Amino acid sequence: MSDAPLSLVVCLPSEEPVVHSLQGDSISLGRSPENDIQVLISEVSVRHASFEKGEQGYRLVDPGSTNGTLVNGVRIGPEGVALKAMDRIILGTVVPSYVVPDSLLQASDPKAVIASIEATAEPPARPKTAPVPVASAPSPALRSPVPLKPAAPAAPGGNSTVRLDQVRPGAPAIRPAAAP
């Protein structure tokens, strides 16, 4: 990665893009006002991610945010990922952000830069699981059980008392204490 200064362009829904210059060894990002970059939207965790500067440039690290972080369609975690110019980042599920060289932002409108990144972005990665075939008929294990035959009604004038051990077989019968 080059040493060219980079910025993060954050695009909140229904708002103009906001440009944040990436300067410093560690830049925190999240909902809390204590972060270096505050993103006030519920899908972003209080301490969502951080940019860590190393010899090769910045790494984006997600320490375990609730809704996750994607870089170019790939979910990242605490190990992080090295960033490069024109990377597309999704914070949570709805906040697209872009790593853009400062020189490009000085020469172009942020919206035009974002449009060019989106035009060349690869579609999201497909799940790596195989499709599950759908059975045409329910298997015997999934059929509903045969309903039990209802008990015969009590004969008129007969005893209709139900004992507890009849309701819950195996449970000890409990009788209320005698009234004083």
C-alpha atoms as a PDB file:
ATOM      1  CA  MET A   1       0.000   0.000   0.000  1.00  0.00           C
ATOM      2  CA  SER A   2       1.253   3.459  -0.775  1.00  0.00           C
ATOM      3  CA  ASP A   3       1.784   6.154   1.805  1.00  0.00           C
ATOM      4  CA  ALA A   4      -0.776   8.412   0.084  1.00  0.00           C
ATOM      5  CA  PRO A   5      -3.157   9.907   2.655  1.00  0.00           C
ATOM      6  CA  LEU A   6      -6.547   8.213   2.732  1.00  0.00           C
ATOM      7  CA  SER A   7     -10.000   9.256   3.849  1.00  0.00           C
ATOM      8  CA  LEU A   8     -13.089   7.335   4.842  1.00  0.00           C
ATOM      9  CA  VAL A   9     -16.296   8.489   3.147  1.00  0.00           C
ATOM     10  CA  VAL A  10     -19.317   7.448   5.250  1.00  0.00           C
ATOM     11  CA  CYS A  11     -22.757   7.407   3.603  1.00  0.00           C
ATOM     12  CA  LEU A  12     -25.621   7.377   6.086  1.00  0.00           C
ATOM     13  CA  PRO A  13     -29.075   6.680   4.634  1.00  0.00           C
ATOM     14  CA  SER A  14     -30.792   9.862   3.366  1.00  0.00           C
ATOM     15  CA  GLU A  15     -27.767  12.056   4.181  1.00  0.00           C
ATOM     16  CA  GLU A  16     -24.870  13.583   2.274  1.00  0.00           C
ATOM     17  CA  PRO A  17     -21.571  11.633   2.357  1.00  0.00           C
ATOM     18  CA  VAL A  18     -19.253  12.650   5.208  1.00  0.00           C
ATOM     19  CA  VAL A  19     -15.472  12.601   4.665  1.00  0.00           C
ATOM     20  CA  HIS A  20     -13.165  11.626   7.562  1.00  0.00           C
ATOM     21  CA  SER A  21      -9.403  11.883   7.105  1.00  0.00           C
ATOM     22  CA  LEU A  22      -7.548   8.787   8.343  1.00  0.00           C
ATOM     23  CA  GLN A  23      -4.759  10.193  10.522  1.00  0.00           C
ATOM     24  CA  GLY A  24      -3.162   8.605  13.559  1.00  0.00           C
ATOM     25  CA  ASP A  25      -2.070   5.167  14.707  1.00  0.00           C
ATOM     26  CA  SER A  26      -5.504   4.016  15.889  1.00  0.00           C
ATOM     27  CA  ILE A  27      -8.866   5.448  14.837  1.00  0.00           C
ATOM     28  CA  SER A  28     -11.985   4.153  16.570  1.00  0.00           C
ATOM     29  CA  LEU A  29     -15.375   4.056  14.859  1.00  0.00           C
ATOM     30  CA  GLY A  30     -18.806   3.511  16.404  1.00  0.00           C
ATOM     31  CA  ARG A  31     -21.968   5.025  17.834  1.00  0.00           C
ATOM     32  CA  SER A  32     -20.379   6.370  21.029  1.00  0.00           C
ATOM     33  CA  PRO A  33     -19.272  10.022  21.074  1.00  0.00           C
ATOM     34  CA  GLU A  34     -15.962   8.775  22.524  1.00  0.00           C
ATOM     35  CA  ASN A  35     -15.010   7.331  19.097  1.00  0.00           C
ATOM     36  CA  ASP A  36     -12.798   9.242  16.675  1.00  0.00           C
ATOM     37  CA  ILE A  37     -15.436   8.690  13.970  1.00  0.00           C
ATOM     38  CA  GLN A  38     -18.985   8.674  15.304  1.00  0.00           C
ATOM     39  CA  VAL A  39     -21.703   7.004  13.210  1.00  0.00           C
ATOM     40  CA  LEU A  40     -25.126   7.622  14.731  1.00  0.00           C
ATOM     41  CA  ILE A  41     -27.241   4.757  13.435  1.00  0.00           C
ATOM     42  CA  SER A  42     -28.591   1.770  15.376  1.00  0.00           C
ATOM     43  CA  GLU A  43     -26.988  -0.893  13.120  1.00  0.00           C
ATOM     44  CA  VAL A  44     -23.529   0.361  14.156  1.00  0.00           C
ATOM     45  CA  SER A  45     -22.250  -0.842  17.545  1.00  0.00           C
ATOM     46  CA  VAL A  46     -21.092   1.526  20.287  1.00  0.00           C
ATOM     47  CA  ARG A  47     -17.483   0.506  19.537  1.00  0.00           C
ATOM     48  CA  HIS A  48     -17.927  -1.037  16.110  1.00  0.00           C
ATOM     49  CA  ALA A  49     -14.467  -1.125  14.516  1.00  0.00           C
ATOM     50  CA  SER A  50     -11.055   0.516  14.433  1.00  0.00           C
ATOM     51  CA  PHE A  51      -8.443   1.471  11.867  1.00  0.00           C
ATOM     52  CA  GLU A  52      -4.973   0.372  13.009  1.00  0.00           C
ATOM     53  CA  LYS A  53      -1.948   1.842  11.233  1.00  0.00           C
ATOM     54  CA  GLY A  54       0.946  -0.501  10.497  1.00  0.00           C
ATOM     55  CA  GLU A  55       3.966  -0.605   8.218  1.00  0.00           C
ATOM     56  CA  GLN A  56       1.807  -1.515   5.210  1.00  0.00           C
ATOM     57  CA  GLY A  57      -0.927   1.055   5.893  1.00  0.00           C
ATOM     58  CA  TYR A  58      -4.241   0.765   7.723  1.00  0.00           C
ATOM     59  CA  ARG A  59      -5.997  -2.421   8.801  1.00  0.00           C
ATOM     60  CA  LEU A  60      -9.705  -2.422   9.608  1.00  0.00           C
ATOM     61  CA  VAL A  61     -10.468  -4.505  12.704  1.00  0.00           C
ATOM     62  CA  ASP A  62     -13.936  -5.508  13.946  1.00  0.00           C
ATOM     63  CA  PRO A  63     -13.605  -6.613  17.594  1.00  0.00           C
ATOM     64  CA  GLY A  64     -17.010  -8.336  17.563  1.00  0.00           C
ATOM     65  CA  SER A  65     -19.654  -5.787  16.625  1.00  0.00           C
ATOM     66  CA  THR A  66     -23.262  -6.951  16.754  1.00  0.00           C
ATOM     67  CA  ASN A  67     -24.061  -6.536  13.042  1.00  0.00           C
ATOM     68  CA  GLY A  68     -20.572  -7.073  11.645  1.00  0.00           C
ATOM     69  CA  THR A  69     -18.412  -5.352   9.048  1.00  0.00           C
ATOM     70  CA  LEU A  70     -17.820  -6.276   5.405  1.00  0.00           C
ATOM     71  CA  VAL A  71     -14.854  -5.194   3.290  1.00  0.00           C
ATOM     72  CA  ASN A  72     -15.472  -5.738  -0.424  1.00  0.00           C
ATOM     73  CA  GLY A  73     -18.250  -8.207   0.451  1.00  0.00           C
ATOM     74  CA  VAL A  74     -16.197 -10.309   2.902  1.00  0.00           C
ATOM     75  CA  ARG A  75     -16.970 -10.321   6.634  1.00  0.00           C
ATOM     76  CA  ILE A  76     -14.020  -9.358   8.833  1.00  0.00           C
ATOM     77  CA  GLY A  77     -13.297 -10.033  12.489  1.00  0.00           C
ATOM     78  CA  PRO A  78     -10.743  -9.277  15.182  1.00  0.00           C
ATOM     79  CA  GLU A  79      -7.864 -10.356  12.914  1.00  0.00           C
ATOM     80  CA  GLY A  80      -8.771  -7.469  10.590  1.00  0.00           C
ATOM     81  CA  VAL A  81      -7.967  -6.877   6.945  1.00  0.00           C
ATOM     82  CA  ALA A  82      -5.457  -4.611   5.196  1.00  0.00           C
ATOM     83  CA  LEU A  83      -7.177  -1.724   3.446  1.00  0.00           C
ATOM     84  CA  LYS A  84      -6.357  -0.275   0.068  1.00  0.00           C
ATOM     85  CA  ALA A  85      -7.667   2.680  -1.889  1.00  0.00           C
ATOM     86  CA  MET A  86     -11.185   2.234  -3.293  1.00  0.00           C
ATOM     87  CA  ASP A  87     -12.201  -0.477  -0.802  1.00  0.00           C
ATOM     88  CA  ARG A  88     -15.935  -0.681  -0.081  1.00  0.00           C
ATOM     89  CA  ILE A  89     -16.869  -1.154   3.585  1.00  0.00           C
ATOM     90  CA  ILE A  90     -20.325  -1.964   4.962  1.00  0.00           C
ATOM     91  CA  LEU A  91     -20.799  -1.119   8.645  1.00  0.00           C
ATOM     92  CA  GLY A  92     -23.577  -3.212  10.143  1.00  0.00           C
ATOM     93  CA  THR A  93     -26.113  -3.856   7.424  1.00  0.00           C
ATOM     94  CA  VAL A  94     -26.866  -0.425   5.987  1.00  0.00           C
ATOM     95  CA  VAL A  95     -23.900   1.969   6.201  1.00  0.00           C
ATOM     96  CA  PRO A  96     -21.702   1.908   3.094  1.00  0.00           C
ATOM     97  CA  SER A  97     -18.303   3.554   3.519  1.00  0.00           C
ATOM     98  CA  TYR A  98     -15.396   3.917   1.140  1.00  0.00           C
ATOM     99  CA  VAL A  99     -11.607   4.224   1.496  1.00  0.00           C
ATOM    100  CA  VAL A 100     -10.570   6.967  -0.917  1.00  0.00           C
ATOM    101  CA  PRO A 101      -7.219   8.706  -1.565  1.00  0.00           C
ATOM    102  CA  ASP A 102      -7.288  12.354  -0.470  1.00  0.00           C
ATOM    103  CA  SER A 103      -5.934  13.414  -3.878  1.00  0.00           C
ATOM    104  CA  LEU A 104      -8.986  11.915  -5.602  1.00  0.00           C
ATOM    105  CA  LEU A 105     -11.377  13.660  -3.214  1.00  0.00           C
ATOM    106  CA  GLN A 106      -9.668  16.997  -3.924  1.00  0.00           C
ATOM    107  CA  ALA A 107     -10.158  16.503  -7.665  1.00  0.00           C
ATOM    108  CA  SER A 108     -13.677  14.992  -7.650  1.00  0.00           C
ATOM    109  CA  ASP A 109     -16.983  15.217  -5.846  1.00  0.00           C
ATOM    110  CA  PRO A 110     -17.385  12.434  -3.207  1.00  0.00           C
ATOM    111  CA  LYS A 111     -20.648  11.308  -4.863  1.00  0.00           C
ATOM    112  CA  ALA A 112     -18.880  10.801  -8.207  1.00  0.00           C
ATOM    113  CA  VAL A 113     -16.103   8.806  -6.525  1.00  0.00           C
ATOM    114  CA  ILE A 114     -18.674   6.630  -4.730  1.00  0.00           C
ATOM    115  CA  ALA A 115     -20.550   6.012  -7.989  1.00  0.00           C
ATOM    116  CA  SER A 116     -17.336   4.831  -9.674  1.00  0.00           C
ATOM    117  CA  ILE A 117     -16.547   2.473  -6.776  1.00  0.00           C
ATOM    118  CA  GLU A 118     -20.085   1.061  -6.817  1.00  0.00           C
ATOM    119  CA  ALA A 119     -19.930   0.572 -10.608  1.00  0.00           C
ATOM    120  CA  THR A 120     -16.834  -1.619 -10.283  1.00  0.00           C
ATOM    121  CA  ALA A 121     -17.798  -3.382  -7.029  1.00  0.00           C
ATOM    122  CA  GLU A 122     -18.216  -7.125  -7.173  1.00  0.00           C
ATOM    123  CA  PRO A 123     -21.579  -8.533  -6.107  1.00  0.00           C
ATOM    124  CA  PRO A 124     -21.721  -9.899  -2.540  1.00  0.00           C
ATOM    125  CA  ALA A 125     -20.183 -13.325  -2.043  1.00  0.00           C
ATOM    126  CA  ARG A 126     -22.611 -16.234  -2.275  1.00  0.00           C
ATOM    127  CA  PRO A 127     -23.005 -18.560   0.689  1.00  0.00           C
ATOM    128  CA  LYS A 128     -20.720 -21.592   0.483  1.00  0.00           C
ATOM    129  CA  THR A 129     -23.424 -24.071   1.468  1.00  0.00           C
ATOM    130  CA  ALA A 130     -25.001 -26.449  -1.019  1.00  0.00           C
ATOM    131  CA  PRO A 131     -28.701 -26.069  -1.732  1.00  0.00           C
ATOM    132  CA  VAL A 132     -30.955 -28.372   0.250  1.00  0.00           C
ATOM    133  CA  PRO A 133     -33.378 -30.418  -1.885  1.00  0.00           C
ATOM    134  CA  VAL A 134     -37.032 -30.006  -1.030  1.00  0.00           C
ATOM    135  CA  ALA A 135     -38.979 -33.248  -0.568  1.00  0.00           C
ATOM    136  CA  SER A 136     -42.202 -33.497  -2.564  1.00  0.00           C
ATOM    137  CA  ALA A 137     -44.040 -35.563   0.055  1.00  0.00           C
ATOM    138  CA  PRO A 138     -43.651 -35.299   3.799  1.00  0.00           C
ATOM    139  CA  SER A 139     -41.580 -38.033   5.346  1.00  0.00           C
ATOM    140  CA  PRO A 140     -43.271 -40.373   7.861  1.00  0.00           C
ATOM    141  CA  ALA A 141     -41.430 -38.699  10.729  1.00  0.00           C
ATOM    142  CA  LEU A 142     -43.027 -35.365   9.838  1.00  0.00           C
ATOM    143  CA  ARG A 143     -46.640 -36.556   9.639  1.00  0.00           C
ATOM    144  CA  SER A 144     -48.917 -35.296  12.321  1.00  0.00           C
ATOM    145  CA  PRO A 145     -49.802 -37.836  15.006  1.00  0.00           C
ATOM    146  CA  VAL A 146     -53.194 -39.521  15.055  1.00  0.00           C
ATOM    147  CA  PRO A 147     -55.445 -37.635  17.484  1.00  0.00           C
ATOM    148  CA  LEU A 148     -56.328 -39.449  20.673  1.00  0.00           C
ATOM    149  CA  LYS A 149     -59.884 -40.603  21.096  1.00  0.00           C
ATOM    150  CA  PRO A 150     -61.686 -38.299  23.522  1.00  0.00           C
ATOM    151  CA  ALA A 151     -62.800 -39.842  26.787  1.00  0.00           C
ATOM    152  CA  ALA A 152     -66.455 -40.792  27.057  1.00  0.00           C
ATOM    153  CA  PRO A 153     -68.542 -38.162  28.834  1.00  0.00           C
ATOM    154  CA  ALA A 154     -69.523 -38.915  32.411  1.00  0.00           C
ATOM    155  CA  ALA A 155     -72.871 -40.625  32.843  1.00  0.00           C
ATOM    156  CA  PRO A 156     -75.640 -38.376  34.125  1.00  0.00           C
ATOM    157  CA  GLY A 157     -75.566 -38.395  37.878  1.00  0.00           C
ATOM    158  CA  GLY A 158     -72.238 -40.210  37.802  1.00  0.00           C
ATOM    159  CA  ASN A 159     -68.972 -39.120  39.389  1.00  0.00           C
ATOM    160  CA  SER A 160     -67.206 -36.502  37.230  1.00  0.00           C
ATOM    161  CA  THR A 161     -64.300 -35.885  39.586  1.00  0.00           C
ATOM    162  CA  VAL A 162     -60.876 -35.917  37.968  1.00  0.00           C
ATOM    163  CA  ARG A 163     -57.979 -36.939  40.154  1.00  0.00           C
ATOM    164  CA  LEU A 164     -54.596 -35.304  39.737  1.00  0.00           C
ATOM    165  CA  ASP A 165     -52.880 -38.624  39.030  1.00  0.00           C
ATOM    166  CA  GLN A 166     -55.265 -39.081  36.093  1.00  0.00           C
ATOM    167  CA  VAL A 167     -54.173 -35.781  34.573  1.00  0.00           C
ATOM    168  CA  ARG A 168     -50.431 -36.157  35.119  1.00  0.00           C
ATOM    169  CA  PRO A 169     -49.576 -39.828  35.350  1.00  0.00           C
ATOM    170  CA  GLY A 170     -46.714 -40.539  37.681  1.00  0.00           C
ATOM    171  CA  ALA A 171     -47.084 -37.273  39.573  1.00  0.00           C
ATOM    172  CA  PRO A 172     -47.852 -37.583  43.279  1.00  0.00           C
ATOM    173  CA  ALA A 173     -51.313 -36.529  44.299  1.00  0.00           C
ATOM    174  CA  ILE A 174     -51.390 -33.318  46.311  1.00  0.00           C
ATOM    175  CA  ARG A 175     -54.320 -32.447  48.471  1.00  0.00           C
ATOM    176  CA  PRO A 176     -55.002 -29.011  49.857  1.00  0.00           C
ATOM    177  CA  ALA A 177     -54.771 -28.551  53.594  1.00  0.00           C
ATOM    178  CA  ALA A 178     -58.015 -29.009  55.509  1.00  0.00           C
ATOM    179  CA  ALA A 179     -59.903 -25.824  56.322  1.00  0.00           C
ATOM    180  CA  PRO A 180     -59.768 -24.826  60.016  1.00  0.00           C
END
